[in-house]
């Protein structure tokens, strides 16, 4: 029991604890100290570069093709898995439709001392200006393999405890060495399919911390020539915009809505970031993990099930997010029975890869890519209050949310519970509406029928009950869209 108590305390600190450190200004000449090699990357398949869409709410490829960020939190991929295990994991994720793997170059677990599966530490003497080539050859291989499968890597240069709060005060980054390491990392992966993710579950609490972040970002930009997007992974129940609201430092906003299951005071914050000015795309990069004790208290709330991770997928997407990240409590830490567990995982990472929620994430991606993607906007006004507003749209676990095409071609309503609800149909421009039910649990669509657009209509899902969620899809019948979930055009990771 004492071991579990220590583990619980460690996990909460790992996720939540900020720290304070004072700062200096980095020297411009500090960066040229590290020789860069690209060992292991020869012949790597080049993925399209990513950029922000013209309307500032989505990610697209350099040719303007919509990119759907369906991420998986594999924070400990680079340090805990062998190459053979990483290949098994990456093959599994691409088969399930994921497009981004979020992993940390210099993680925090078991540090100090710290080595990867091959006994190599990421740095010599815990010095960011002395990266260990042997360690990064394994990172190279995993990035290369992910890209070859069509997967981008959302790479954190380091976890937050290394930037701001090391064990017993062992912070290893300064503005000077962050610039050096950032440039080295940026140059090394300049031609890879990566997105840079600063931060790592920590707030920016001091001027020195901000100086480290600024220096790392500047180093990455110098190293990769500005060829990759940059964002910031924030502290729980926060978004990057809480510290970098108007900042040109990051290209899109990232949220960690956290490990609670309810919409209210958690996932409703995604809409706030969508509405911020200047506009930037927003992604919830750490919602509740499948198989985690809900709100870190399994005795009170139980463990998160597939339904608990499905709801945030649609809450976030329909509230304006341009993509979404899934996580499993065993997979993020790559837990195996020969390792110390962090906060009570209930199965190994190999077993957890095929948890139900991991299968079901792709259905949300396919649903949104089955309709024009870059013109989609959030709009809960589509949902009419049903007798009492606390019933529909509701709150807590049973909040209804809606999204629509800004040109009036389609609309969608997510119903987290199977019950009757009324909607405004005048959000559709056509005289005739074609309606569908889309099942988030299996990705199948069923036709309701066509009817005149009278401005208001009531719908009852095929099956009713608290555990049965549904998506209502309303189309302008004249558009002749395919069944929901049938992807329009070609998209990254759909041909693998």
Protein backbone atom coordinates (compact mmCIF):
# COMPACT_ATOMS: atom_id res chain seq x y z
CA UNK A 1 0.00 0.00 0.00
CA UNK A 2 2.87 2.37 0.74
CA UNK A 3 4.23 1.81 -2.77
CA UNK A 4 0.83 2.67 -4.25
CA UNK A 5 0.60 5.79 -2.10
CA UNK A 6 4.03 6.89 -3.28
CA UNK A 7 3.01 6.14 -6.86
CA UNK A 8 -0.19 8.19 -6.47
CA UNK A 9 1.73 11.15 -5.09
CA UNK A 10 4.31 10.89 -7.88
CA UNK A 11 1.64 10.78 -10.58
CA UNK A 12 -0.18 13.82 -9.26
CA UNK A 13 3.11 15.72 -9.10
CA UNK A 14 4.02 14.47 -12.57
CA UNK A 15 0.79 15.88 -13.98
CA UNK A 16 0.17 18.91 -11.85
CA UNK A 17 3.04 20.53 -9.98
CA UNK A 18 4.45 23.90 -11.08
CA UNK A 19 7.77 25.31 -9.87
CA UNK A 20 9.77 28.54 -9.79
CA UNK A 21 13.21 29.33 -11.24
CA UNK A 22 14.87 32.67 -12.00
CA UNK A 23 16.19 33.64 -15.54
CA UNK A 24 19.01 35.01 -17.67
CA UNK A 25 19.06 36.20 -21.29
CA UNK A 26 20.54 33.69 -23.75
CA UNK A 27 23.52 34.59 -25.88
CA UNK A 28 23.09 34.68 -29.66
CA UNK A 29 26.32 32.71 -30.12
CA UNK A 30 25.35 29.85 -27.85
CA UNK A 31 23.88 27.60 -30.54
CA UNK A 32 26.69 26.50 -32.79
CA UNK A 33 28.15 24.04 -30.32
CA UNK A 34 26.49 20.78 -31.42
CA UNK A 35 27.22 18.83 -34.57
CA UNK A 36 24.06 17.42 -36.11
CA UNK A 37 23.74 14.04 -37.78
CA UNK A 38 20.71 12.45 -39.34
CA UNK A 39 21.63 8.84 -38.65
CA UNK A 40 18.78 6.47 -39.37
CA UNK A 41 16.71 8.91 -41.42
CA UNK A 42 18.08 8.21 -44.91
CA UNK A 43 15.29 7.32 -47.31
CA UNK A 44 12.55 8.39 -44.94
CA UNK A 45 9.21 9.04 -46.60
CA UNK A 46 8.47 12.76 -46.70
CA UNK A 47 5.06 13.70 -45.34
CA UNK A 48 3.40 16.93 -46.49
CA UNK A 49 4.24 19.96 -44.40
CA UNK A 50 1.39 21.22 -42.24
CA UNK A 51 0.16 24.78 -41.87
CA UNK A 52 -2.79 26.75 -40.49
CA UNK A 53 -5.79 27.17 -42.81
CA UNK A 54 -6.64 30.55 -44.29
CA UNK A 55 -9.61 30.96 -41.93
CA UNK A 56 -7.29 30.26 -38.94
CA UNK A 57 -9.39 27.46 -37.44
CA UNK A 58 -7.98 24.30 -39.02
CA UNK A 59 -4.76 22.54 -39.96
CA UNK A 60 -4.10 21.76 -43.61
CA UNK A 61 -1.27 20.38 -45.70
CA UNK A 62 0.94 22.71 -47.71
CA UNK A 63 -1.36 22.12 -50.71
CA UNK A 64 -4.42 23.13 -48.66
CA UNK A 65 -5.78 19.63 -48.04
CA UNK A 66 -7.65 19.31 -44.70
CA UNK A 67 -5.62 17.58 -42.00
CA UNK A 68 -7.46 15.90 -39.15
CA UNK A 69 -5.30 15.63 -36.02
CA UNK A 70 -6.26 12.33 -34.41
CA UNK A 71 -3.56 11.97 -31.80
CA UNK A 72 -2.55 9.34 -29.30
CA UNK A 73 -0.65 10.11 -26.12
CA UNK A 74 2.43 7.87 -26.20
CA UNK A 75 4.50 10.07 -23.93
CA UNK A 76 7.01 7.32 -23.07
CA UNK A 77 7.35 5.82 -26.56
CA UNK A 78 10.96 6.81 -27.12
CA UNK A 79 12.35 5.65 -23.79
CA UNK A 80 10.36 2.60 -22.74
CA UNK A 81 9.88 0.61 -25.95
CA UNK A 82 12.30 -1.34 -28.06
CA UNK A 83 12.23 -0.77 -31.79
CA UNK A 84 10.28 -4.00 -32.26
CA UNK A 85 7.72 -2.95 -29.65
CA UNK A 86 7.46 0.53 -31.17
CA UNK A 87 6.78 -1.02 -34.55
CA UNK A 88 3.97 -3.11 -33.02
CA UNK A 89 2.50 0.00 -31.39
CA UNK A 90 2.74 2.20 -34.49
CA UNK A 91 1.23 -0.47 -36.76
CA UNK A 92 -1.66 -0.76 -34.31
CA UNK A 93 -2.28 2.99 -34.27
CA UNK A 94 -2.19 3.51 -38.02
CA UNK A 95 -4.66 0.64 -38.44
CA UNK A 96 -7.05 2.51 -36.12
CA UNK A 97 -6.87 5.73 -38.13
CA UNK A 98 -4.62 7.80 -35.90
CA UNK A 99 -2.63 10.55 -37.63
CA UNK A 100 -0.38 11.93 -34.86
CA UNK A 101 1.67 10.25 -32.13
CA UNK A 102 2.47 12.54 -29.18
CA UNK A 103 5.77 11.55 -27.57
CA UNK A 104 8.50 13.15 -25.44
CA UNK A 105 12.16 13.27 -26.50
CA UNK A 106 13.44 13.68 -22.91
CA UNK A 107 10.77 12.23 -20.59
CA UNK A 108 10.54 12.43 -16.82
CA UNK A 109 9.78 8.93 -15.59
CA UNK A 110 12.59 7.19 -13.68
CA UNK A 111 14.84 10.24 -13.76
CA UNK A 112 17.48 10.44 -12.38
CA UNK A 113 19.07 8.06 -13.34
CA UNK A 114 17.33 7.46 -16.64
CA UNK A 115 17.92 5.27 -19.68
CA UNK A 116 15.87 3.94 -22.58
CA UNK A 117 15.15 0.29 -23.42
CA UNK A 118 18.74 -0.08 -24.65
CA UNK A 119 20.37 1.41 -21.57
CA UNK A 120 21.12 4.78 -23.17
CA UNK A 121 20.46 8.12 -21.45
CA UNK A 122 19.18 11.02 -23.59
CA UNK A 123 21.95 13.36 -22.45
CA UNK A 124 25.53 13.08 -21.29
CA UNK A 125 25.95 14.47 -17.76
CA UNK A 126 22.32 15.69 -17.81
CA UNK A 127 23.53 18.49 -20.08
CA UNK A 128 21.12 19.56 -22.88
CA UNK A 129 24.11 20.70 -24.96
CA UNK A 130 25.43 17.11 -24.89
CA UNK A 131 22.73 14.86 -26.40
CA UNK A 132 23.58 11.15 -26.56
CA UNK A 133 23.77 10.05 -30.18
CA UNK A 134 22.98 6.43 -29.30
CA UNK A 135 19.75 7.43 -27.53
CA UNK A 136 18.63 9.67 -30.39
CA UNK A 137 19.37 7.01 -32.99
CA UNK A 138 16.47 5.08 -31.44
CA UNK A 139 14.31 8.22 -31.53
CA UNK A 140 15.32 8.63 -35.18
CA UNK A 141 14.25 5.10 -35.97
CA UNK A 142 10.84 5.53 -34.32
CA UNK A 143 10.17 8.89 -36.01
CA UNK A 144 11.25 7.40 -39.32
CA UNK A 145 8.98 4.40 -38.86
CA UNK A 146 6.00 6.55 -37.82
CA UNK A 147 6.44 8.78 -40.88
CA UNK A 148 6.79 5.75 -43.16
CA UNK A 149 3.34 4.64 -41.95
CA UNK A 150 1.86 8.10 -42.60
CA UNK A 151 1.93 9.18 -38.95
CA UNK A 152 3.17 12.58 -37.83
CA UNK A 153 5.01 12.84 -34.51
CA UNK A 154 3.95 15.54 -32.07
CA UNK A 155 7.32 15.80 -30.35
CA UNK A 156 7.86 17.44 -26.99
CA UNK A 157 11.56 18.40 -26.76
CA UNK A 158 11.32 17.60 -23.05
CA UNK A 159 8.66 17.05 -20.40
CA UNK A 160 7.81 19.93 -18.10
CA UNK A 161 9.66 18.57 -15.10
CA UNK A 162 12.91 18.90 -17.02
CA UNK A 163 12.18 22.48 -18.01
CA UNK A 164 10.86 23.73 -14.71
CA UNK A 165 10.75 21.21 -11.91
CA UNK A 166 13.22 18.40 -11.68
CA UNK A 167 13.42 15.85 -8.90
CA UNK A 168 14.76 17.59 -5.79
CA UNK A 169 15.12 20.78 -7.77
CA UNK A 170 17.13 19.18 -10.59
CA UNK A 171 16.05 21.50 -13.40
CA UNK A 172 18.41 21.00 -16.33
CA UNK A 173 17.29 23.73 -18.75
CA UNK A 174 18.34 27.36 -18.90
CA UNK A 175 17.56 29.86 -21.65
CA UNK A 176 21.10 29.33 -23.00
CA UNK A 177 21.10 25.55 -23.25
CA UNK A 178 17.44 25.44 -24.33
CA UNK A 179 18.41 27.48 -27.41
CA UNK A 180 21.30 25.13 -28.18
CA UNK A 181 19.29 21.96 -27.72
CA UNK A 182 16.29 23.39 -29.59
CA UNK A 183 18.39 24.26 -32.64
CA UNK A 184 20.06 20.84 -32.60
CA UNK A 185 16.70 19.08 -32.37
CA UNK A 186 15.14 21.28 -35.04
CA UNK A 187 17.97 20.62 -37.46
CA UNK A 188 17.99 16.89 -36.78
CA UNK A 189 14.29 16.47 -37.59
CA UNK A 190 14.01 19.28 -40.12
CA UNK A 191 12.91 16.95 -42.92
CA UNK A 192 10.66 14.71 -40.79
CA UNK A 193 6.91 14.77 -40.30
CA UNK A 194 6.87 16.39 -36.86
CA UNK A 195 5.01 19.08 -34.93
CA UNK A 196 6.85 20.71 -32.04
CA UNK A 197 5.02 20.73 -28.70
CA UNK A 198 6.56 22.99 -26.07
CA UNK A 199 5.67 22.81 -22.39
CA UNK A 200 4.67 19.43 -21.04
CA UNK A 201 1.97 19.69 -18.38
CA UNK A 202 3.32 22.79 -16.67
CA UNK A 203 2.20 26.41 -16.51
CA UNK A 204 4.48 29.30 -17.37
CA UNK A 205 4.81 30.62 -13.83
CA UNK A 206 7.88 32.89 -13.93
CA UNK A 207 9.79 35.16 -16.28
CA UNK A 208 12.63 32.65 -16.37
CA UNK A 209 10.31 29.87 -17.44
CA UNK A 210 9.01 32.08 -20.25
CA UNK A 211 12.60 32.84 -21.24
CA UNK A 212 13.34 29.10 -21.49
CA UNK A 213 10.24 28.53 -23.64
CA UNK A 214 11.14 31.48 -25.88
CA UNK A 215 14.70 30.25 -26.28
CA UNK A 216 13.63 26.69 -27.09
CA UNK A 217 11.15 27.92 -29.69
CA UNK A 218 13.71 30.22 -31.25
CA UNK A 219 16.21 27.36 -31.39
CA UNK A 220 13.69 25.05 -33.06
CA UNK A 221 12.87 27.72 -35.63
CA UNK A 222 16.53 28.26 -36.43
CA UNK A 223 17.16 24.53 -36.65
CA UNK A 224 14.25 23.56 -38.91
CA UNK A 225 14.03 26.83 -40.79
CA UNK A 226 10.44 27.34 -39.62
CA UNK A 227 9.25 24.27 -41.52
CA UNK A 228 7.17 22.79 -38.67
CA UNK A 229 4.25 24.01 -36.60
CA UNK A 230 4.79 24.81 -32.92
CA UNK A 231 2.28 24.59 -30.06
CA UNK A 232 2.33 24.29 -26.25
CA UNK A 233 1.01 21.44 -24.08
CA UNK A 234 -0.42 23.10 -20.94
CA UNK A 235 -1.16 22.32 -17.33
CA UNK A 236 -4.37 20.36 -16.56
CA UNK A 237 -7.70 22.18 -17.11
CA UNK A 238 -5.89 24.92 -19.00
CA UNK A 239 -5.02 25.89 -22.55
CA UNK A 240 -1.86 27.29 -24.10
CA UNK A 241 -3.76 30.54 -24.65
CA UNK A 242 -3.92 31.05 -20.87
CA UNK A 243 -0.26 32.10 -21.09
CA UNK A 244 0.30 32.71 -24.81
CA UNK A 245 -2.99 34.36 -25.78
CA UNK A 246 -1.85 36.76 -28.49
CA UNK A 247 1.54 35.23 -28.98
CA UNK A 248 3.14 34.55 -32.36
CA UNK A 249 5.34 31.98 -30.60
CA UNK A 250 2.82 29.20 -31.28
CA UNK A 251 0.85 28.40 -34.42
CA UNK A 252 -2.18 26.77 -32.81
CA UNK A 253 -3.64 26.45 -29.33
CA UNK A 254 -3.56 23.23 -27.36
CA UNK A 255 -5.69 22.33 -24.36
CA UNK A 256 -5.45 19.78 -21.59
CA UNK A 257 -9.08 19.60 -20.51
CA UNK A 258 -8.03 16.91 -18.09
CA UNK A 259 -9.15 13.65 -16.60
CA UNK A 260 -12.71 14.47 -15.58
CA UNK A 261 -15.68 12.96 -17.39
CA UNK A 262 -18.17 15.85 -17.38
CA UNK A 263 -18.63 18.58 -19.97
CA UNK A 264 -19.32 21.45 -17.59
CA UNK A 265 -16.18 23.28 -16.37
CA UNK A 266 -13.99 21.01 -18.48
CA UNK A 267 -14.72 20.46 -22.17
CA UNK A 268 -16.77 23.64 -22.48
CA UNK A 269 -13.45 25.51 -22.41
CA UNK A 270 -12.66 24.37 -25.95
CA UNK A 271 -15.31 26.74 -27.30
CA UNK A 272 -13.73 29.61 -25.35
CA UNK A 273 -10.43 29.00 -27.13
CA UNK A 274 -12.17 28.71 -30.49
CA UNK A 275 -13.70 32.16 -29.95
CA UNK A 276 -10.43 33.84 -28.90
CA UNK A 277 -8.88 36.57 -31.01
CA UNK A 278 -6.62 36.38 -32.85
CA UNK A 279 -8.16 33.16 -34.09
CA UNK A 280 -6.07 29.99 -33.96
CA UNK A 281 -6.90 26.32 -34.38
CA UNK A 282 -7.48 24.51 -31.07
CA UNK A 283 -6.98 20.86 -30.10
CA UNK A 284 -7.62 19.09 -26.80
CA UNK A 285 -4.34 17.17 -26.56
CA UNK A 286 -5.12 15.52 -23.23
CA UNK A 287 -8.74 14.73 -22.41
CA UNK A 288 -9.70 11.97 -20.03
CA UNK A 289 -7.74 8.76 -20.66
CA UNK A 290 -9.52 5.46 -21.15
CA UNK A 291 -8.91 3.17 -18.12
CA UNK A 292 -7.81 6.01 -15.83
CA UNK A 293 -9.41 6.54 -12.40
CA UNK A 294 -11.84 9.37 -13.15
CA UNK A 295 -10.68 12.62 -11.52
CA UNK A 296 -7.84 10.49 -10.03
CA UNK A 297 -10.26 8.83 -7.62
CA UNK A 298 -11.36 5.37 -8.71
CA UNK A 299 -13.00 4.60 -5.38
CA UNK A 300 -15.38 7.55 -5.84
CA UNK A 301 -15.87 7.80 -9.61
CA UNK A 302 -14.68 4.49 -11.04
CA UNK A 303 -12.48 4.08 -14.11
CA UNK A 304 -13.07 5.75 -17.47
CA UNK A 305 -14.77 3.56 -20.07
CA UNK A 306 -15.11 3.92 -23.84
CA UNK A 307 -18.21 6.12 -23.43
CA UNK A 308 -16.23 8.48 -21.20
CA UNK A 309 -13.62 9.06 -23.92
CA UNK A 310 -16.16 9.16 -26.76
CA UNK A 311 -18.10 12.06 -25.27
CA UNK A 312 -15.08 14.44 -25.16
CA UNK A 313 -14.24 13.52 -28.76
CA UNK A 314 -17.56 14.97 -29.97
CA UNK A 315 -17.79 17.69 -27.32
CA UNK A 316 -14.42 19.06 -28.46
CA UNK A 317 -14.91 18.61 -32.19
CA UNK A 318 -18.40 20.09 -32.26
CA UNK A 319 -17.19 22.99 -30.08
CA UNK A 320 -14.68 24.03 -32.72
CA UNK A 321 -11.61 21.83 -32.28
CA UNK A 322 -9.84 20.95 -35.54
CA UNK A 323 -8.88 17.52 -34.22
CA UNK A 324 -8.62 15.50 -31.04
CA UNK A 325 -6.22 13.39 -29.00
CA UNK A 326 -7.06 10.06 -27.39
CA UNK A 327 -5.19 8.55 -24.49
CA UNK A 328 -5.10 5.29 -22.57
CA UNK A 329 -3.75 5.19 -19.03
CA UNK A 330 -1.52 2.16 -19.68
CA UNK A 331 -0.39 3.23 -23.15
CA UNK A 332 0.85 6.71 -22.26
CA UNK A 333 3.23 5.19 -19.70
CA UNK A 334 3.83 1.99 -21.75
CA UNK A 335 3.17 0.00 -18.61
CA UNK A 336 4.24 -3.64 -18.42
CA UNK A 337 4.17 -5.97 -15.44
CA UNK A 338 7.93 -5.63 -14.90
CA UNK A 339 7.61 -1.86 -14.34
CA UNK A 340 6.43 0.18 -11.40
CA UNK A 341 2.84 1.26 -12.24
CA UNK A 342 1.91 4.93 -12.15
CA UNK A 343 -1.49 5.48 -10.58
CA UNK A 344 -3.08 2.07 -10.92
CA UNK A 345 -3.17 0.98 -14.58
CA UNK A 346 -5.52 -1.99 -14.95
CA UNK A 347 -3.93 -3.70 -17.98
CA UNK A 348 -0.61 -3.64 -19.86
CA UNK A 349 0.03 -1.32 -22.78
CA UNK A 350 -0.13 -4.22 -25.22
CA UNK A 351 -3.57 -5.21 -23.93
CA UNK A 352 -4.74 -1.60 -23.72
CA UNK A 353 -3.89 -0.79 -27.35
CA UNK A 354 -7.10 -2.55 -28.34
CA UNK A 355 -9.37 -0.97 -25.73
CA UNK A 356 -12.79 -0.13 -27.25
CA UNK A 357 -12.29 3.64 -27.17
CA UNK A 358 -9.13 3.36 -29.27
CA UNK A 359 -11.18 1.77 -32.07
CA UNK A 360 -13.99 4.31 -31.81
CA UNK A 361 -11.93 7.51 -32.22
CA UNK A 362 -11.61 6.96 -35.97
CA UNK A 363 -15.37 7.12 -36.41
CA UNK A 364 -15.45 10.76 -35.33
CA UNK A 365 -12.67 11.58 -37.78
CA UNK A 366 -14.41 9.79 -40.61
CA UNK A 367 -17.72 11.48 -39.80
CA UNK A 368 -16.30 14.99 -40.08
CA UNK A 369 -14.27 14.20 -43.19
CA UNK A 370 -17.44 12.92 -44.87
CA UNK A 371 -18.66 16.49 -45.19
CA UNK A 372 -16.90 19.76 -46.23
CA UNK A 373 -14.41 20.22 -43.41
CA UNK A 374 -12.90 23.69 -43.59
CA UNK A 375 -16.24 25.54 -43.46
CA UNK A 376 -17.45 23.88 -40.25
CA UNK A 377 -18.36 26.08 -37.26
CA UNK A 378 -19.69 25.33 -33.76
CA UNK A 379 -23.32 26.32 -33.19
CA UNK A 380 -25.27 25.03 -30.20
CA UNK A 381 -28.20 27.28 -31.14
CA UNK A 382 -29.27 24.46 -33.45
CA UNK A 383 -30.36 22.54 -30.34
CA UNK A 384 -33.71 23.77 -29.03
CA UNK A 385 -34.36 23.49 -25.30
CA UNK A 386 -36.58 20.51 -24.59
CA UNK A 387 -39.12 21.33 -21.87
CA UNK A 388 -36.27 22.20 -19.50
CA UNK A 389 -32.87 23.42 -20.68
CA UNK A 390 -31.13 21.20 -18.10
CA UNK A 391 -32.56 18.22 -20.00
CA UNK A 392 -31.52 19.38 -23.49
CA UNK A 393 -28.95 20.79 -24.18
CA UNK A 394 -28.15 19.58 -20.65
CA UNK A 395 -24.94 19.59 -18.64
CA UNK A 396 -22.50 17.23 -16.96
CA UNK A 397 -22.25 13.86 -18.71
CA UNK A 398 -25.25 14.53 -20.93
CA UNK A 399 -24.49 17.80 -22.65
CA UNK A 400 -25.70 18.00 -26.27
CA UNK A 401 -23.49 19.96 -28.72
CA UNK A 402 -23.87 20.95 -32.37
CA UNK A 403 -21.84 21.99 -35.37
CA UNK A 404 -22.81 23.10 -38.88
CA UNK A 405 -21.46 24.13 -42.23
CA UNK A 406 -21.15 27.92 -42.49
CA UNK A 407 -22.62 27.68 -46.00
CA UNK A 408 -25.74 25.85 -44.83
CA UNK A 409 -25.04 22.49 -46.46
CA UNK A 410 -25.14 20.29 -43.35
CA UNK A 411 -25.44 20.26 -39.57
CA UNK A 412 -24.68 17.70 -36.86
CA UNK A 413 -25.90 17.27 -33.28
CA UNK A 414 -24.18 15.02 -30.78
CA UNK A 415 -26.59 13.41 -28.32
CA UNK A 416 -24.63 11.73 -25.49
CA UNK A 417 -27.77 9.91 -24.36
CA UNK A 418 -30.47 8.34 -26.46
CA UNK A 419 -33.56 10.49 -25.97
CA UNK A 420 -35.91 12.69 -27.96
CA UNK A 421 -34.73 16.22 -28.76
CA UNK A 422 -35.85 19.11 -31.02
CA UNK A 423 -33.60 21.04 -33.42
CA UNK A 424 -33.72 24.08 -35.68
CA UNK A 425 -33.58 22.96 -39.28
CA UNK A 426 -33.36 26.47 -40.71
CA UNK A 427 -29.57 26.18 -40.35
CA UNK A 428 -29.82 24.17 -43.58
CA UNK A 429 -30.27 26.29 -46.71
CA UNK A 430 -32.10 23.75 -48.86
CA UNK A 431 -35.86 23.27 -49.13
CA UNK A 432 -35.52 19.56 -48.50
CA UNK A 433 -33.51 17.99 -45.68
CA UNK A 434 -31.99 14.53 -45.72
CA UNK A 435 -31.49 13.18 -42.19
CA UNK A 436 -29.27 10.40 -40.87
CA UNK A 437 -28.35 8.75 -37.61
CA UNK A 438 -24.63 8.10 -37.14
CA UNK A 439 -23.58 5.59 -34.47
CA UNK A 440 -20.37 6.70 -32.67
CA UNK A 441 -19.94 3.18 -31.28
CA UNK A 442 -19.57 1.40 -34.62
CA UNK A 443 -19.28 4.14 -37.25
CA UNK A 444 -22.41 3.06 -39.14
CA UNK A 445 -24.99 5.41 -40.61
CA UNK A 446 -28.70 4.80 -41.11
CA UNK A 447 -31.03 6.94 -43.20
CA UNK A 448 -33.95 8.59 -41.41
CA UNK A 449 -35.46 10.01 -44.59
CA UNK A 450 -36.14 13.24 -46.44
CA UNK A 451 -38.63 15.92 -45.42
CA UNK A 452 -39.48 19.58 -46.12
CA UNK A 453 -37.36 22.12 -44.27
CA UNK A 454 -40.03 23.57 -42.01
CA UNK A 455 -37.56 25.20 -39.58
CA UNK A 456 -38.07 22.87 -36.61
CA UNK A 457 -38.25 19.12 -36.09
CA UNK A 458 -38.06 16.59 -33.26
CA UNK A 459 -35.93 13.45 -33.46
CA UNK A 460 -35.79 10.23 -31.44
CA UNK A 461 -32.71 7.99 -31.84
CA UNK A 462 -33.13 4.37 -32.98
CA UNK A 463 -32.25 3.11 -29.48
CA UNK A 464 -32.79 5.06 -26.30
CA UNK A 465 -30.89 4.91 -23.04
CA UNK A 466 -28.23 6.70 -21.05
CA UNK A 467 -25.30 4.69 -22.45
CA UNK A 468 -26.37 5.05 -26.09
CA UNK A 469 -24.93 8.13 -27.78
CA UNK A 470 -25.83 9.23 -31.31
CA UNK A 471 -25.05 11.88 -33.91
CA UNK A 472 -27.90 13.41 -35.89
CA UNK A 473 -26.73 14.50 -39.35
CA UNK A 474 -28.87 16.89 -41.39
CA UNK A 475 -27.97 17.54 -45.03
CA UNK A 476 -29.26 19.79 -47.75
CA UNK A 477 -30.70 16.97 -49.86
CA UNK A 478 -29.63 18.73 -53.05
CA UNK A 479 -25.96 18.22 -52.10
CA UNK A 480 -26.35 14.45 -52.39
CA UNK A 481 -23.67 13.79 -49.77
CA UNK A 482 -22.66 10.16 -49.13
CA UNK A 483 -23.68 8.41 -45.90
CA UNK A 484 -22.01 9.99 -42.86
CA UNK A 485 -18.62 8.38 -42.25
CA UNK A 486 -17.86 7.91 -45.96
CA UNK A 487 -14.83 10.13 -46.43
CA UNK A 488 -14.88 12.70 -49.23
CA UNK A 489 -11.61 12.82 -51.19
CA UNK A 490 -8.19 11.55 -50.07
CA UNK A 491 -6.76 12.39 -46.67
CA UNK A 492 -3.53 11.72 -44.82
CA UNK A 493 -3.46 8.24 -43.28
CA UNK A 494 -6.52 6.96 -45.13
CA UNK A 495 -4.56 5.00 -47.74
CA UNK A 496 -2.46 2.97 -45.33
